[in-house]
Amino acid sequence: MITIRDYAPADWQRVTEVHDAARLGELAASVGVEAFLTLEQTYEGEGLFDGDLWVAELDGRVVGFLAFSDAEVTWMYVDPACHRRGVGRALLRHALERAGAEVELTVLDGNDAARALYESEGFVVTSTTTGRLVGNEAFTATGHEMHWYRERTVS
């Protein structure tokens, strides 16, 4: 069973392991692994702790995390050994349940599995841009900005 809870400082080691393993896969499909930097190298500059941070546990072990700040999913990574087991979907739904009317995120071009997950949860691509890779500006990347809109009900 997947459990979502608030991040605790004791989770740091596992969160770094999850990020570093998953980030390599993300970059391999997009910019290239040469652009890899560890979570330890990037978390401050990219504001990992600027908003809410949740972890996903599977059988009592942290296997993913999601950061959410100012109506934006800023980080989401799942241990590659746990891909396609509903961890990312559980994290994303947890964030969307707590969100306002609109949420945005950016997914790297080539990260097809993540993009498919976001689209299956109602996100749509609103723009595509190419520029410096956030967190490692020495590399160029293409990102798809995606938005999710809460359905409005008429009273």
C-alpha atoms as a PDB file:
ATOM      1  CA  MET A   1       0.000   0.000   0.000  1.00  0.00           C
ATOM      2  CA  ILE A   2       1.220   3.495  -0.862  1.00  0.00           C
ATOM      3  CA  THR A   3       1.166   6.067   1.925  1.00  0.00           C
ATOM      4  CA  ILE A   4       1.715   9.791   1.347  1.00  0.00           C
ATOM      5  CA  ARG A   5       2.940  11.900   4.249  1.00  0.00           C
ATOM      6  CA  ASP A   6       4.817  15.099   5.013  1.00  0.00           C
ATOM      7  CA  TYR A   7       8.575  15.003   4.566  1.00  0.00           C
ATOM      8  CA  ALA A   8      10.639  14.606   7.745  1.00  0.00           C
ATOM      9  CA  PRO A   9      14.384  15.365   8.072  1.00  0.00           C
ATOM     10  CA  ALA A  10      15.017  11.642   8.645  1.00  0.00           C
ATOM     11  CA  ASP A  11      13.864  11.097   5.017  1.00  0.00           C
ATOM     12  CA  TRP A  12      16.750  13.082   3.518  1.00  0.00           C
ATOM     13  CA  GLN A  13      19.067  10.170   2.683  1.00  0.00           C
ATOM     14  CA  ARG A  14      16.322   8.189   0.971  1.00  0.00           C
ATOM     15  CA  VAL A  15      15.007  11.259  -0.897  1.00  0.00           C
ATOM     16  CA  THR A  16      18.496  11.929  -2.277  1.00  0.00           C
ATOM     17  CA  GLU A  17      18.810   8.297  -3.395  1.00  0.00           C
ATOM     18  CA  VAL A  18      15.418   8.417  -5.126  1.00  0.00           C
ATOM     19  CA  HIS A  19      16.186  11.714  -6.843  1.00  0.00           C
ATOM     20  CA  ASP A  20      19.630  10.747  -8.034  1.00  0.00           C
ATOM     21  CA  ALA A  21      18.512   7.400  -9.502  1.00  0.00           C
ATOM     22  CA  ALA A  22      15.390   8.838 -11.137  1.00  0.00           C
ATOM     23  CA  ARG A  23      17.094  11.991 -12.413  1.00  0.00           C
ATOM     24  CA  LEU A  24      19.637   9.956 -14.345  1.00  0.00           C
ATOM     25  CA  GLY A  25      16.808   8.194 -16.166  1.00  0.00           C
ATOM     26  CA  GLU A  26      15.005  11.462 -16.828  1.00  0.00           C
ATOM     27  CA  LEU A  27      18.120  13.044 -18.304  1.00  0.00           C
ATOM     28  CA  ALA A  28      19.045   9.960 -20.345  1.00  0.00           C
ATOM     29  CA  ALA A  29      15.745  10.344 -22.211  1.00  0.00           C
ATOM     30  CA  SER A  30      16.104  14.093 -22.724  1.00  0.00           C
ATOM     31  CA  VAL A  31      19.182  16.278 -22.270  1.00  0.00           C
ATOM     32  CA  GLY A  32      21.758  13.542 -21.632  1.00  0.00           C
ATOM     33  CA  VAL A  33      23.283  12.175 -18.439  1.00  0.00           C
ATOM     34  CA  GLU A  34      26.205  14.588 -18.785  1.00  0.00           C
ATOM     35  CA  ALA A  35      23.866  17.217 -17.303  1.00  0.00           C
ATOM     36  CA  PHE A  36      23.359  15.220 -14.080  1.00  0.00           C
ATOM     37  CA  LEU A  37      23.837  16.931 -10.745  1.00  0.00           C
ATOM     38  CA  THR A  38      22.932  15.321  -7.427  1.00  0.00           C
ATOM     39  CA  LEU A  39      20.109  16.512  -5.227  1.00  0.00           C
ATOM     40  CA  GLU A  40      22.717  17.618  -2.706  1.00  0.00           C
ATOM     41  CA  GLN A  41      24.148  19.927  -5.378  1.00  0.00           C
ATOM     42  CA  THR A  42      20.829  21.418  -6.499  1.00  0.00           C
ATOM     43  CA  TYR A  43      18.194  21.401  -3.757  1.00  0.00           C
ATOM     44  CA  GLU A  44      18.978  24.841  -2.325  1.00  0.00           C
ATOM     45  CA  GLY A  45      19.253  26.700  -5.619  1.00  0.00           C
ATOM     46  CA  GLU A  46      16.078  25.062  -6.929  1.00  0.00           C
ATOM     47  CA  GLY A  47      14.057  25.638  -3.759  1.00  0.00           C
ATOM     48  CA  LEU A  48      13.178  22.074  -2.796  1.00  0.00           C
ATOM     49  CA  PHE A  49      11.928  23.246   0.595  1.00  0.00           C
ATOM     50  CA  ASP A  50      10.162  26.439  -0.582  1.00  0.00           C
ATOM     51  CA  GLY A  51       6.664  24.946  -0.275  1.00  0.00           C
ATOM     52  CA  ASP A  52       5.108  21.641   0.677  1.00  0.00           C
ATOM     53  CA  LEU A  53       7.150  18.463   0.400  1.00  0.00           C
ATOM     54  CA  TRP A  54       5.542  15.039   0.598  1.00  0.00           C
ATOM     55  CA  VAL A  55       7.043  11.575   0.445  1.00  0.00           C
ATOM     56  CA  ALA A  56       5.478   8.351  -0.761  1.00  0.00           C
ATOM     57  CA  GLU A  57       6.095   5.176   1.173  1.00  0.00           C
ATOM     58  CA  LEU A  58       5.590   1.692  -0.172  1.00  0.00           C
ATOM     59  CA  ASP A  59       5.742  -1.038   2.450  1.00  0.00           C
ATOM     60  CA  GLY A  60       7.204   1.487   4.901  1.00  0.00           C
ATOM     61  CA  ARG A  61      10.055   2.641   2.653  1.00  0.00           C
ATOM     62  CA  VAL A  62      10.306   6.064   0.996  1.00  0.00           C
ATOM     63  CA  VAL A  63      10.093   5.481  -2.762  1.00  0.00           C
ATOM     64  CA  GLY A  64       9.130   8.908  -4.100  1.00  0.00           C
ATOM     65  CA  PHE A  65       8.604  12.568  -3.320  1.00  0.00           C
ATOM     66  CA  LEU A  66       6.780  15.618  -4.631  1.00  0.00           C
ATOM     67  CA  ALA A  67       7.385  19.299  -3.891  1.00  0.00           C
ATOM     68  CA  PHE A  68       4.593  21.824  -4.426  1.00  0.00           C
ATOM     69  CA  SER A  69       4.932  25.597  -4.235  1.00  0.00           C
ATOM     70  CA  ASP A  70       2.756  28.456  -5.462  1.00  0.00           C
ATOM     71  CA  ALA A  71       0.387  26.211  -7.465  1.00  0.00           C
ATOM     72  CA  GLU A  72       3.294  24.435  -9.162  1.00  0.00           C
ATOM     73  CA  VAL A  73       4.624  20.904  -8.939  1.00  0.00           C
ATOM     74  CA  THR A  74       8.303  21.812  -8.691  1.00  0.00           C
ATOM     75  CA  TRP A  75       9.792  18.355  -8.082  1.00  0.00           C
ATOM     76  CA  MET A  76       8.465  14.826  -8.481  1.00  0.00           C
ATOM     77  CA  TYR A  77      10.653  11.745  -8.520  1.00  0.00           C
ATOM     78  CA  VAL A  78       9.970   8.056  -7.996  1.00  0.00           C
ATOM     79  CA  ASP A  79      12.514   5.316  -7.398  1.00  0.00           C
ATOM     80  CA  PRO A  80      12.988   3.633 -10.802  1.00  0.00           C
ATOM     81  CA  ALA A  81      12.560   0.237  -9.113  1.00  0.00           C
ATOM     82  CA  CYS A  82       8.992   1.327  -8.261  1.00  0.00           C
ATOM     83  CA  HIS A  83       7.940   2.823 -11.590  1.00  0.00           C
ATOM     84  CA  ARG A  84       4.501   1.839 -12.900  1.00  0.00           C
ATOM     85  CA  ARG A  85       3.238   0.882  -9.444  1.00  0.00           C
ATOM     86  CA  GLY A  86       1.066   3.967  -8.851  1.00  0.00           C
ATOM     87  CA  VAL A  87       3.538   5.914  -6.714  1.00  0.00           C
ATOM     88  CA  GLY A  88       3.770   8.959  -8.986  1.00  0.00           C
ATOM     89  CA  ARG A  89       0.005   8.985  -9.505  1.00  0.00           C
ATOM     90  CA  ALA A  90      -0.596   8.834  -5.735  1.00  0.00           C
ATOM     91  CA  LEU A  91       1.789  11.741  -5.134  1.00  0.00           C
ATOM     92  CA  LEU A  92       0.265  13.794  -7.932  1.00  0.00           C
ATOM     93  CA  ARG A  93      -3.298  13.188  -6.770  1.00  0.00           C
ATOM     94  CA  HIS A  94      -2.288  14.116  -3.221  1.00  0.00           C
ATOM     95  CA  ALA A  95      -1.040  17.472  -4.499  1.00  0.00           C
ATOM     96  CA  LEU A  96      -4.066  18.078  -6.728  1.00  0.00           C
ATOM     97  CA  GLU A  97      -6.469  17.394  -3.848  1.00  0.00           C
ATOM     98  CA  ARG A  98      -4.809  20.239  -1.949  1.00  0.00           C
ATOM     99  CA  ALA A  99      -4.488  22.600  -4.905  1.00  0.00           C
ATOM    100  CA  GLY A 100      -6.577  25.524  -5.934  1.00  0.00           C
ATOM    101  CA  ALA A 101      -8.181  25.996  -9.347  1.00  0.00           C
ATOM    102  CA  GLU A 102      -5.011  25.585 -11.416  1.00  0.00           C
ATOM    103  CA  VAL A 103      -1.676  23.760 -11.173  1.00  0.00           C
ATOM    104  CA  GLU A 104       1.322  23.990 -13.452  1.00  0.00           C
ATOM    105  CA  LEU A 105       4.459  21.943 -13.997  1.00  0.00           C
ATOM    106  CA  THR A 106       7.175  21.498 -16.574  1.00  0.00           C
ATOM    107  CA  VAL A 107       8.232  18.143 -18.017  1.00  0.00           C
ATOM    108  CA  LEU A 108      11.375  17.667 -20.080  1.00  0.00           C
ATOM    109  CA  ASP A 109      10.940  16.728 -23.712  1.00  0.00           C
ATOM    110  CA  GLY A 110      11.667  13.023 -23.968  1.00  0.00           C
ATOM    111  CA  ASN A 111      10.303  12.172 -20.527  1.00  0.00           C
ATOM    112  CA  ASP A 112       7.374  10.402 -22.133  1.00  0.00           C
ATOM    113  CA  ALA A 113       6.311   8.313 -19.124  1.00  0.00           C
ATOM    114  CA  ALA A 114       5.979  11.394 -16.896  1.00  0.00           C
ATOM    115  CA  ARG A 115       4.153  13.331 -19.596  1.00  0.00           C
ATOM    116  CA  ALA A 116       1.731  10.422 -20.109  1.00  0.00           C
ATOM    117  CA  LEU A 117       1.047  10.320 -16.361  1.00  0.00           C
ATOM    118  CA  TYR A 118       0.336  14.052 -16.232  1.00  0.00           C
ATOM    119  CA  GLU A 119      -1.923  13.893 -19.276  1.00  0.00           C
ATOM    120  CA  SER A 120      -3.843  10.951 -17.802  1.00  0.00           C
ATOM    121  CA  GLU A 121      -4.557  13.133 -14.761  1.00  0.00           C
ATOM    122  CA  GLY A 122      -5.893  15.992 -16.901  1.00  0.00           C
ATOM    123  CA  PHE A 123      -2.816  18.148 -17.529  1.00  0.00           C
ATOM    124  CA  VAL A 124      -2.498  19.740 -20.956  1.00  0.00           C
ATOM    125  CA  VAL A 125       0.573  21.194 -22.653  1.00  0.00           C
ATOM    126  CA  THR A 126       0.201  24.966 -22.819  1.00  0.00           C
ATOM    127  CA  SER A 127       3.639  25.881 -24.176  1.00  0.00           C
ATOM    128  CA  THR A 128       6.989  24.433 -25.186  1.00  0.00           C
ATOM    129  CA  THR A 129      10.247  26.285 -24.756  1.00  0.00           C
ATOM    130  CA  THR A 130      13.937  25.613 -25.224  1.00  0.00           C
ATOM    131  CA  GLY A 131      16.470  27.238 -22.949  1.00  0.00           C
ATOM    132  CA  ARG A 132      18.908  26.641 -20.139  1.00  0.00           C
ATOM    133  CA  LEU A 133      18.330  23.527 -18.007  1.00  0.00           C
ATOM    134  CA  VAL A 134      17.154  24.650 -14.578  1.00  0.00           C
ATOM    135  CA  GLY A 135      19.734  23.607 -12.019  1.00  0.00           C
ATOM    136  CA  ASN A 136      22.509  23.068 -14.566  1.00  0.00           C
ATOM    137  CA  GLU A 137      22.476  26.047 -16.881  1.00  0.00           C
ATOM    138  CA  ALA A 138      25.477  24.768 -18.862  1.00  0.00           C
ATOM    139  CA  PHE A 139      23.027  22.564 -20.777  1.00  0.00           C
ATOM    140  CA  THR A 140      20.142  23.358 -23.093  1.00  0.00           C
ATOM    141  CA  ALA A 141      16.802  21.599 -22.655  1.00  0.00           C
ATOM    142  CA  THR A 142      13.307  21.654 -24.097  1.00  0.00           C
ATOM    143  CA  GLY A 143      10.471  21.669 -21.622  1.00  0.00           C
ATOM    144  CA  HIS A 144       6.719  21.381 -21.953  1.00  0.00           C
ATOM    145  CA  GLU A 145       4.762  23.590 -19.574  1.00  0.00           C
ATOM    146  CA  MET A 146       1.600  21.788 -18.566  1.00  0.00           C
ATOM    147  CA  HIS A 147      -1.483  23.016 -16.729  1.00  0.00           C
ATOM    148  CA  TRP A 148      -4.262  21.300 -14.833  1.00  0.00           C
ATOM    149  CA  TYR A 149      -7.556  23.039 -14.186  1.00  0.00           C
ATOM    150  CA  ARG A 150     -10.020  22.034 -11.484  1.00  0.00           C
ATOM    151  CA  GLU A 151     -13.441  21.401 -12.948  1.00  0.00           C
ATOM    152  CA  ARG A 152     -15.893  24.067 -12.004  1.00  0.00           C
ATOM    153  CA  THR A 153     -19.385  23.154 -10.958  1.00  0.00           C
ATOM    154  CA  VAL A 154     -22.313  25.452 -11.602  1.00  0.00           C
ATOM    155  CA  SER A 155     -24.377  26.248  -8.495  1.00  0.00           C
END
